[in-house]
Structures are given as structure tokens and as C-alpha cells.
N, C-alpha and C. Protein backbone atom coordinates (compact mmCIF):
# COMPACT_ATOMS: atom_id res chain seq x y z
N MET A 1 31.51 -5.66 18.59
CA MET A 1 31.48 -4.50 17.71
C MET A 1 32.48 -3.47 18.22
N LYS A 2 33.30 -3.01 17.33
CA LYS A 2 34.30 -2.00 17.67
C LYS A 2 33.62 -0.64 17.83
N LYS A 3 33.93 0.05 18.93
CA LYS A 3 33.37 1.39 19.14
C LYS A 3 34.13 2.42 18.32
N ILE A 4 33.43 3.44 17.88
CA ILE A 4 33.98 4.48 17.00
C ILE A 4 33.96 5.82 17.73
N ALA A 5 35.03 6.60 17.60
CA ALA A 5 35.13 7.88 18.31
C ALA A 5 34.46 9.03 17.57
N ASN A 6 34.34 8.95 16.27
CA ASN A 6 33.71 10.00 15.47
C ASN A 6 32.25 10.18 15.90
N ARG A 7 31.81 11.40 16.09
CA ARG A 7 30.45 11.65 16.58
C ARG A 7 29.56 12.25 15.49
N THR A 8 29.81 11.86 14.23
CA THR A 8 29.01 12.35 13.11
C THR A 8 28.00 11.28 12.71
N ILE A 9 26.74 11.68 12.64
CA ILE A 9 25.66 10.75 12.31
C ILE A 9 24.93 11.24 11.07
N LEU A 10 24.65 10.30 10.17
CA LEU A 10 23.78 10.58 9.02
C LEU A 10 22.40 10.03 9.35
N LEU A 11 21.43 10.91 9.43
CA LEU A 11 20.05 10.57 9.75
C LEU A 11 19.26 10.57 8.45
N VAL A 12 18.66 9.44 8.10
CA VAL A 12 17.94 9.30 6.83
C VAL A 12 16.49 8.91 7.13
N ASP A 13 15.59 9.88 6.97
CA ASP A 13 14.16 9.65 7.23
C ASP A 13 13.38 10.69 6.44
N ASP A 14 12.28 10.28 5.85
CA ASP A 14 11.47 11.22 5.06
C ASP A 14 10.51 12.02 5.91
N GLU A 15 10.37 11.68 7.17
CA GLU A 15 9.47 12.42 8.06
C GLU A 15 10.25 13.56 8.71
N ILE A 16 9.96 14.77 8.27
CA ILE A 16 10.70 15.95 8.72
C ILE A 16 10.63 16.13 10.23
N GLU A 17 9.47 15.90 10.81
CA GLU A 17 9.31 16.08 12.26
C GLU A 17 10.12 15.05 13.04
N VAL A 18 10.15 13.83 12.55
CA VAL A 18 10.97 12.79 13.20
C VAL A 18 12.44 13.20 13.14
N CYS A 19 12.88 13.69 11.99
CA CYS A 19 14.27 14.16 11.85
C CYS A 19 14.57 15.28 12.84
N ARG A 20 13.66 16.23 12.96
CA ARG A 20 13.88 17.36 13.85
C ARG A 20 14.04 16.89 15.30
N ILE A 21 13.15 16.00 15.73
CA ILE A 21 13.18 15.50 17.11
C ILE A 21 14.49 14.76 17.37
N ILE A 22 14.86 13.86 16.47
CA ILE A 22 16.09 13.08 16.65
C ILE A 22 17.30 13.99 16.59
N ARG A 23 17.35 14.88 15.60
CA ARG A 23 18.49 15.79 15.45
C ARG A 23 18.68 16.64 16.70
N ASP A 24 17.59 17.26 17.19
CA ASP A 24 17.69 18.09 18.39
C ASP A 24 18.23 17.30 19.57
N TYR A 25 17.72 16.10 19.75
CA TYR A 25 18.15 15.25 20.86
C TYR A 25 19.63 14.89 20.73
N LEU A 26 20.04 14.49 19.53
CA LEU A 26 21.43 14.09 19.33
C LEU A 26 22.39 15.27 19.44
N GLU A 27 21.98 16.41 18.93
CA GLU A 27 22.84 17.60 19.04
C GLU A 27 23.02 18.02 20.49
N LYS A 28 21.99 17.86 21.31
CA LYS A 28 22.12 18.15 22.75
C LYS A 28 23.07 17.18 23.42
N ASN A 29 23.29 16.02 22.78
CA ASN A 29 24.22 15.02 23.30
C ASN A 29 25.55 15.04 22.54
N ASN A 30 25.84 16.21 21.97
CA ASN A 30 27.14 16.48 21.34
C ASN A 30 27.45 15.66 20.09
N PHE A 31 26.42 15.34 19.31
CA PHE A 31 26.62 14.70 18.02
C PHE A 31 26.43 15.73 16.92
N LYS A 32 27.15 15.53 15.83
CA LYS A 32 26.96 16.33 14.63
C LYS A 32 26.05 15.51 13.72
N VAL A 33 24.91 16.08 13.35
CA VAL A 33 23.89 15.33 12.60
C VAL A 33 23.70 15.94 11.22
N HIS A 34 23.76 15.08 10.21
CA HIS A 34 23.45 15.47 8.84
C HIS A 34 22.19 14.70 8.44
N GLU A 35 21.31 15.35 7.69
CA GLU A 35 20.05 14.72 7.31
C GLU A 35 19.97 14.47 5.82
N ALA A 36 19.26 13.40 5.48
CA ALA A 36 18.83 13.12 4.12
C ALA A 36 17.41 12.60 4.25
N HIS A 37 16.59 12.86 3.24
CA HIS A 37 15.17 12.51 3.36
C HIS A 37 14.74 11.37 2.44
N ASN A 38 15.70 10.74 1.80
CA ASN A 38 15.46 9.49 1.08
C ASN A 38 16.83 8.86 0.80
N GLY A 39 16.80 7.64 0.32
CA GLY A 39 18.05 6.92 0.10
C GLY A 39 18.96 7.56 -0.93
N ALA A 40 18.37 8.12 -1.98
CA ALA A 40 19.18 8.77 -3.02
C ALA A 40 19.91 9.98 -2.46
N GLU A 41 19.23 10.80 -1.66
CA GLU A 41 19.88 11.94 -1.00
C GLU A 41 21.01 11.46 -0.09
N ALA A 42 20.75 10.36 0.61
CA ALA A 42 21.75 9.83 1.54
C ALA A 42 23.00 9.38 0.79
N LEU A 43 22.83 8.74 -0.37
CA LEU A 43 23.99 8.31 -1.16
C LEU A 43 24.84 9.49 -1.58
N MET A 44 24.18 10.59 -1.92
CA MET A 44 24.93 11.80 -2.31
C MET A 44 25.60 12.42 -1.09
N ALA A 45 24.88 12.47 0.04
CA ALA A 45 25.39 13.12 1.25
C ALA A 45 26.57 12.36 1.85
N ILE A 46 26.53 11.05 1.81
CA ILE A 46 27.55 10.25 2.50
C ILE A 46 28.92 10.40 1.86
N LYS A 47 28.96 10.75 0.59
CA LYS A 47 30.24 10.89 -0.10
C LYS A 47 31.12 11.96 0.53
N GLY A 48 30.51 13.01 1.07
CA GLY A 48 31.28 14.08 1.70
C GLY A 48 31.44 13.90 3.19
N LEU A 49 30.80 12.89 3.76
CA LEU A 49 30.84 12.65 5.20
C LEU A 49 31.63 11.40 5.51
N LYS A 50 32.04 11.31 6.72
CA LYS A 50 32.58 10.06 7.24
C LYS A 50 31.80 9.78 8.52
N PRO A 51 30.51 9.40 8.37
CA PRO A 51 29.71 9.22 9.57
C PRO A 51 30.15 8.01 10.38
N SER A 52 30.00 8.13 11.68
CA SER A 52 30.29 6.99 12.55
C SER A 52 29.10 6.06 12.60
N LEU A 53 27.95 6.57 12.12
CA LEU A 53 26.70 5.82 12.25
C LEU A 53 25.68 6.38 11.27
N ILE A 54 24.83 5.49 10.77
CA ILE A 54 23.70 5.90 9.95
C ILE A 54 22.43 5.43 10.66
N ILE A 55 21.50 6.35 10.85
CA ILE A 55 20.18 6.02 11.38
C ILE A 55 19.26 6.07 10.17
N LEU A 56 18.61 4.95 9.87
CA LEU A 56 17.97 4.78 8.57
C LEU A 56 16.53 4.28 8.69
N ASP A 57 15.61 5.06 8.13
CA ASP A 57 14.22 4.64 8.01
C ASP A 57 14.13 3.61 6.90
N VAL A 58 13.12 2.76 6.95
CA VAL A 58 12.94 1.74 5.91
C VAL A 58 12.09 2.27 4.77
N ILE A 59 10.94 2.85 5.10
CA ILE A 59 9.99 3.26 4.06
C ILE A 59 10.18 4.74 3.75
N MET A 60 10.69 4.99 2.52
CA MET A 60 10.92 6.36 2.05
C MET A 60 10.69 6.40 0.55
N PRO A 61 10.38 7.59 0.03
CA PRO A 61 10.24 7.71 -1.42
C PRO A 61 11.61 7.67 -2.12
N VAL A 62 11.61 7.52 -3.39
CA VAL A 62 12.77 7.53 -4.27
C VAL A 62 13.63 6.28 -4.08
N MET A 63 14.20 6.09 -2.89
CA MET A 63 14.95 4.89 -2.57
C MET A 63 14.73 4.58 -1.10
N GLY A 64 14.23 3.41 -0.82
CA GLY A 64 13.94 3.01 0.56
C GLY A 64 15.18 2.59 1.32
N GLY A 65 15.00 2.36 2.60
CA GLY A 65 16.10 2.03 3.48
C GLY A 65 16.78 0.71 3.18
N PHE A 66 16.01 -0.33 2.83
CA PHE A 66 16.63 -1.61 2.52
C PHE A 66 17.51 -1.51 1.28
N GLU A 67 17.02 -0.80 0.26
CA GLU A 67 17.82 -0.64 -0.96
C GLU A 67 19.11 0.13 -0.67
N LEU A 68 18.99 1.20 0.12
CA LEU A 68 20.18 1.97 0.49
C LEU A 68 21.14 1.11 1.30
N LEU A 69 20.63 0.38 2.26
CA LEU A 69 21.48 -0.46 3.10
C LEU A 69 22.24 -1.47 2.25
N GLU A 70 21.56 -2.06 1.29
CA GLU A 70 22.20 -3.03 0.40
C GLU A 70 23.34 -2.37 -0.40
N LYS A 71 23.10 -1.16 -0.90
CA LYS A 71 24.13 -0.44 -1.65
C LYS A 71 25.32 -0.09 -0.76
N LEU A 72 25.04 0.37 0.46
CA LEU A 72 26.13 0.74 1.37
C LEU A 72 26.98 -0.47 1.76
N LYS A 73 26.34 -1.56 2.07
CA LYS A 73 27.07 -2.74 2.53
C LYS A 73 27.85 -3.41 1.39
N SER A 74 27.49 -3.13 0.14
CA SER A 74 28.22 -3.70 -0.98
C SER A 74 29.35 -2.79 -1.46
N ASP A 75 29.49 -1.62 -0.83
CA ASP A 75 30.55 -0.66 -1.19
C ASP A 75 31.58 -0.67 -0.06
N GLU A 76 32.81 -1.06 -0.39
CA GLU A 76 33.82 -1.21 0.67
C GLU A 76 34.09 0.10 1.42
N SER A 77 33.78 1.24 0.82
CA SER A 77 33.98 2.52 1.51
C SER A 77 33.02 2.70 2.69
N TYR A 78 31.85 2.05 2.62
CA TYR A 78 30.81 2.27 3.63
C TYR A 78 30.35 0.98 4.31
N ALA A 79 30.89 -0.14 3.89
CA ALA A 79 30.41 -1.43 4.39
C ALA A 79 30.53 -1.57 5.90
N ASN A 80 31.49 -0.89 6.51
CA ASN A 80 31.70 -1.03 7.95
C ASN A 80 31.02 0.06 8.78
N VAL A 81 30.28 0.94 8.13
CA VAL A 81 29.57 1.98 8.88
C VAL A 81 28.34 1.33 9.53
N PRO A 82 28.23 1.40 10.86
CA PRO A 82 27.09 0.80 11.54
C PRO A 82 25.77 1.49 11.15
N VAL A 83 24.71 0.69 11.13
CA VAL A 83 23.39 1.20 10.74
C VAL A 83 22.35 0.77 11.77
N ILE A 84 21.58 1.77 12.23
CA ILE A 84 20.40 1.50 13.06
C ILE A 84 19.19 1.74 12.18
N MET A 85 18.37 0.71 11.99
CA MET A 85 17.15 0.84 11.20
C MET A 85 16.02 1.31 12.12
N LEU A 86 15.28 2.32 11.67
CA LEU A 86 14.08 2.80 12.36
C LEU A 86 12.91 2.56 11.42
N THR A 87 11.85 1.93 11.92
CA THR A 87 10.75 1.67 11.01
C THR A 87 9.47 1.29 11.72
N VAL A 88 8.37 1.56 11.07
CA VAL A 88 7.07 1.09 11.55
C VAL A 88 6.89 -0.37 11.17
N LYS A 89 7.73 -0.87 10.29
CA LYS A 89 7.67 -2.27 9.85
C LYS A 89 8.44 -3.13 10.85
N SER A 90 7.74 -3.65 11.85
CA SER A 90 8.42 -4.40 12.89
C SER A 90 8.07 -5.89 12.87
N ASP A 91 7.41 -6.34 11.78
CA ASP A 91 7.08 -7.75 11.69
C ASP A 91 8.35 -8.57 11.47
N PRO A 92 8.31 -9.86 11.77
CA PRO A 92 9.52 -10.70 11.67
C PRO A 92 10.18 -10.69 10.29
N GLN A 93 9.40 -10.60 9.22
CA GLN A 93 9.98 -10.61 7.87
C GLN A 93 10.87 -9.39 7.63
N HIS A 94 10.43 -8.23 8.09
CA HIS A 94 11.22 -7.01 7.90
C HIS A 94 12.46 -7.03 8.80
N LEU A 95 12.29 -7.50 10.02
CA LEU A 95 13.43 -7.62 10.93
C LEU A 95 14.47 -8.56 10.33
N GLU A 96 14.02 -9.69 9.82
CA GLU A 96 14.92 -10.66 9.21
C GLU A 96 15.64 -10.07 8.00
N LYS A 97 14.91 -9.29 7.19
CA LYS A 97 15.52 -8.66 6.02
C LYS A 97 16.60 -7.67 6.45
N GLY A 98 16.29 -6.84 7.45
CA GLY A 98 17.29 -5.88 7.95
C GLY A 98 18.54 -6.57 8.45
N ILE A 99 18.35 -7.65 9.17
CA ILE A 99 19.50 -8.40 9.70
C ILE A 99 20.28 -9.05 8.57
N SER A 100 19.57 -9.60 7.59
CA SER A 100 20.26 -10.25 6.46
C SER A 100 21.06 -9.24 5.65
N LEU A 101 20.63 -7.97 5.65
CA LEU A 101 21.36 -6.91 4.94
C LEU A 101 22.43 -6.25 5.82
N GLN A 102 22.63 -6.80 7.02
CA GLN A 102 23.69 -6.39 7.94
C GLN A 102 23.40 -5.10 8.70
N ALA A 103 22.13 -4.82 8.97
CA ALA A 103 21.82 -3.73 9.88
C ALA A 103 22.32 -4.14 11.26
N ASP A 104 22.85 -3.18 12.00
CA ASP A 104 23.39 -3.50 13.32
C ASP A 104 22.30 -3.59 14.38
N PHE A 105 21.31 -2.69 14.28
CA PHE A 105 20.19 -2.69 15.22
C PHE A 105 18.92 -2.35 14.46
N TYR A 106 17.79 -2.75 14.99
CA TYR A 106 16.50 -2.54 14.36
C TYR A 106 15.56 -2.03 15.44
N LEU A 107 15.13 -0.77 15.34
CA LEU A 107 14.30 -0.14 16.36
C LEU A 107 12.94 0.22 15.76
N PRO A 108 11.87 -0.43 16.23
CA PRO A 108 10.55 -0.13 15.67
C PRO A 108 10.03 1.24 16.13
N LYS A 109 9.31 1.92 15.22
CA LYS A 109 8.61 3.17 15.55
C LYS A 109 7.23 2.79 16.07
N PRO A 110 6.69 3.54 16.99
CA PRO A 110 7.32 4.64 17.71
C PRO A 110 8.37 4.10 18.69
N PHE A 111 9.34 4.94 19.00
CA PHE A 111 10.43 4.53 19.87
C PHE A 111 10.71 5.65 20.86
N GLU A 112 11.40 5.29 21.91
CA GLU A 112 11.83 6.25 22.92
C GLU A 112 13.25 6.72 22.56
N LEU A 113 13.50 8.00 22.68
CA LEU A 113 14.81 8.54 22.35
C LEU A 113 15.92 7.90 23.20
N ASN A 114 15.61 7.58 24.45
CA ASN A 114 16.64 6.96 25.29
C ASN A 114 16.99 5.55 24.80
N ASN A 115 16.03 4.86 24.16
CA ASN A 115 16.34 3.55 23.57
C ASN A 115 17.27 3.71 22.37
N LEU A 116 16.99 4.72 21.55
CA LEU A 116 17.88 5.01 20.43
C LEU A 116 19.28 5.34 20.94
N MET A 117 19.36 6.15 21.98
CA MET A 117 20.66 6.52 22.54
C MET A 117 21.39 5.30 23.10
N SER A 118 20.67 4.35 23.64
CA SER A 118 21.32 3.13 24.15
C SER A 118 22.02 2.39 23.01
N PHE A 119 21.37 2.29 21.86
CA PHE A 119 22.00 1.66 20.70
C PHE A 119 23.21 2.46 20.23
N ILE A 120 23.05 3.78 20.17
CA ILE A 120 24.15 4.65 19.73
C ILE A 120 25.35 4.49 20.66
N ASN A 121 25.09 4.41 21.95
CA ASN A 121 26.18 4.27 22.93
C ASN A 121 26.93 2.95 22.79
N LEU A 122 26.29 1.96 22.21
CA LEU A 122 26.97 0.68 21.96
C LEU A 122 27.96 0.81 20.79
N ILE A 123 27.76 1.84 19.96
CA ILE A 123 28.57 2.01 18.75
C ILE A 123 29.62 3.10 18.90
N VAL A 124 29.24 4.22 19.50
CA VAL A 124 30.10 5.40 19.52
C VAL A 124 30.75 5.57 20.89
N LYS A 125 32.06 5.78 20.89
CA LYS A 125 32.80 6.02 22.15
C LYS A 125 32.51 7.43 22.65
N ASP A 126 32.62 7.61 23.94
CA ASP A 126 32.57 8.96 24.52
C ASP A 126 33.91 9.62 24.38
């Protein structure tokens, strides 16, 4: 996987507290974080961004993470943007679906912030 120098992340999760915790942590690590709280918001937000990474929840209202991931990967403008899936759905079927839709990493909730950062460090250059 090619590392990316851009430090802009699109965080997509409907849980406001989860977003706050992740955003605060990432901002302390010199990332610029933009939030969306469902897949439809994320589709609108990404048009103005060039994120180096998308952190994406699976279960959300309006448009879920798998549907958004499928749309992003089928659009040549966003197909190469790495995606880390965050979800309480950690059974093999959901993991397999995320991988089949080209998610780069799949991190089950609850998770440790340092584990999330380990995945991010595999994608983003210092």
C-alpha cells in the first residue's frame, strides 16, 4: 500500500461521542479531521475534500457504511482513498463483506485509539 502525505481524514460515524473522542485524538496527532454522521453527509462532504483516509462506521442511518463504501469504490475520483471500517459488527460475514468492498482495514468496536493509530500510520506518511 502506497503511503499518503496528506493528513486530512474524513470521519463518518453517527455516534457523536465516538466522533469527538476520535477527532480529539487525531487532532492532537496533527491530523485535520472532518466529520459526517451518515453516508449521505459523507458523500456531500467528500466532494470538497481530498482526504487521505476515511474512517467509516458500518451501521448508520440514511446510508450505512457498506453502501457508502460501495459508492466510493465505484467512483474513480475516490476509489483509491483508503478506508478503515469501524463497527460493532465483527462477525466473519461482515468482515468478509468489508473486504469484498475493498475496505483496507476492519477494526471492531470497542477499540483502542492506539490500534486505530497503528492502522492510520500504515497509510499516512509522517
